[in-house]
Amino acid sequence: MLASGGPQPDSTIEFSIGNHTVAAVSQNGVIEARDLGQTMIDAKAVGFDMRSQPVIYSQVVTVYFC
């Protein structure tokens, strides 16, 4: 995922995974399969507004199959 634009172009990309027994995802977005199955992988471009509140500029949710 490449994030650009928005009120603050220096956003951070955050990755998360739904089922840790099926796969793992690193902070850099590298996916490691652990077992057969499926899980959801979520990638968000997150920044902060003028009041230092978190803002999600873009988000992608993908189903991953092993």
C-alpha atoms as a PDB file:
ATOM      1  CA  MET A   1       0.000   0.000   0.000  1.00  0.00           C
ATOM      2  CA  LEU A   2       1.330   3.416  -0.942  1.00  0.00           C
ATOM      3  CA  ALA A   3      -0.202   6.429   0.811  1.00  0.00           C
ATOM      4  CA  SER A   4       0.158   9.945  -0.547  1.00  0.00           C
ATOM      5  CA  GLY A   5      -1.785  13.178  -0.401  1.00  0.00           C
ATOM      6  CA  GLY A   6      -4.303  14.088   2.247  1.00  0.00           C
ATOM      7  CA  PRO A   7      -3.934  16.844   4.818  1.00  0.00           C
ATOM      8  CA  GLN A   8      -0.722  15.282   6.062  1.00  0.00           C
ATOM      9  CA  PRO A   9       1.156  13.231   3.459  1.00  0.00           C
ATOM     10  CA  ASP A  10       3.557  11.795   6.046  1.00  0.00           C
ATOM     11  CA  SER A  11       1.108   9.193   7.295  1.00  0.00           C
ATOM     12  CA  THR A  12       2.080   5.906   8.906  1.00  0.00           C
ATOM     13  CA  ILE A  13       1.006   2.593   7.376  1.00  0.00           C
ATOM     14  CA  GLU A  14      -0.429   0.212   9.996  1.00  0.00           C
ATOM     15  CA  PHE A  15      -1.038  -3.476   9.275  1.00  0.00           C
ATOM     16  CA  SER A  16      -3.180  -5.903  11.266  1.00  0.00           C
ATOM     17  CA  ILE A  17      -4.434  -9.443  10.786  1.00  0.00           C
ATOM     18  CA  GLY A  18      -7.641 -11.139  11.913  1.00  0.00           C
ATOM     19  CA  ASN A  19      -6.480 -14.713  12.598  1.00  0.00           C
ATOM     20  CA  HIS A  20      -2.938 -15.040  13.979  1.00  0.00           C
ATOM     21  CA  THR A  21      -2.986 -18.842  13.687  1.00  0.00           C
ATOM     22  CA  VAL A  22      -3.327 -18.675   9.870  1.00  0.00           C
ATOM     23  CA  ALA A  23      -0.764 -15.944   9.135  1.00  0.00           C
ATOM     24  CA  ALA A  24       1.273 -13.108  10.575  1.00  0.00           C
ATOM     25  CA  VAL A  25       1.913  -9.660   9.117  1.00  0.00           C
ATOM     26  CA  SER A  26       4.956  -7.551  10.001  1.00  0.00           C
ATOM     27  CA  GLN A  27       5.030  -3.790  10.517  1.00  0.00           C
ATOM     28  CA  ASN A  28       6.391  -3.561   6.941  1.00  0.00           C
ATOM     29  CA  GLY A  29       3.457  -5.556   5.499  1.00  0.00           C
ATOM     30  CA  VAL A  30       5.323  -8.836   4.930  1.00  0.00           C
ATOM     31  CA  ILE A  31       2.889 -11.760   5.305  1.00  0.00           C
ATOM     32  CA  GLU A  32       4.047 -15.095   6.761  1.00  0.00           C
ATOM     33  CA  ALA A  33       1.752 -18.112   6.350  1.00  0.00           C
ATOM     34  CA  ARG A  34       1.430 -20.269   9.484  1.00  0.00           C
ATOM     35  CA  ASP A  35      -1.368 -22.739   8.721  1.00  0.00           C
ATOM     36  CA  LEU A  36      -4.042 -23.535   6.140  1.00  0.00           C
ATOM     37  CA  GLY A  37      -7.079 -21.259   6.250  1.00  0.00           C
ATOM     38  CA  GLN A  38      -8.137 -17.713   5.553  1.00  0.00           C
ATOM     39  CA  THR A  39      -7.845 -14.424   7.395  1.00  0.00           C
ATOM     40  CA  MET A  40      -8.444 -10.712   6.880  1.00  0.00           C
ATOM     41  CA  ILE A  41      -5.486  -8.363   6.470  1.00  0.00           C
ATOM     42  CA  ASP A  42      -6.056  -4.670   7.127  1.00  0.00           C
ATOM     43  CA  ALA A  43      -3.748  -1.856   5.965  1.00  0.00           C
ATOM     44  CA  LYS A  44      -4.405   1.751   7.028  1.00  0.00           C
ATOM     45  CA  ALA A  45      -2.695   5.045   6.262  1.00  0.00           C
ATOM     46  CA  VAL A  46      -2.983   6.880   9.587  1.00  0.00           C
ATOM     47  CA  GLY A  47      -2.054  10.451  10.445  1.00  0.00           C
ATOM     48  CA  PHE A  48      -3.147  13.139  12.896  1.00  0.00           C
ATOM     49  CA  ASP A  49      -5.369  16.178  12.534  1.00  0.00           C
ATOM     50  CA  MET A  50      -4.675  19.646  13.946  1.00  0.00           C
ATOM     51  CA  ARG A  51      -5.954  18.530  17.391  1.00  0.00           C
ATOM     52  CA  SER A  52      -3.600  15.492  17.400  1.00  0.00           C
ATOM     53  CA  GLN A  53      -6.544  13.130  16.884  1.00  0.00           C
ATOM     54  CA  PRO A  54      -5.844  10.057  14.692  1.00  0.00           C
ATOM     55  CA  VAL A  55      -7.254  10.197  11.156  1.00  0.00           C
ATOM     56  CA  ILE A  56      -7.461   7.275   8.703  1.00  0.00           C
ATOM     57  CA  TYR A  57      -6.697   8.656   5.225  1.00  0.00           C
ATOM     58  CA  SER A  58      -7.148   5.354   3.414  1.00  0.00           C
ATOM     59  CA  GLN A  59      -7.826   1.726   4.328  1.00  0.00           C
ATOM     60  CA  VAL A  60      -7.626  -1.590   2.461  1.00  0.00           C
ATOM     61  CA  VAL A  61      -9.038  -4.884   3.767  1.00  0.00           C
ATOM     62  CA  THR A  62      -8.061  -8.080   1.942  1.00  0.00           C
ATOM     63  CA  VAL A  63      -8.962 -11.739   2.431  1.00  0.00           C
ATOM     64  CA  TYR A  64      -5.800 -13.850   2.486  1.00  0.00           C
ATOM     65  CA  PHE A  65      -5.851 -17.600   1.769  1.00  0.00           C
ATOM     66  CA  CYS A  66      -3.112 -20.079   2.751  1.00  0.00           C
END
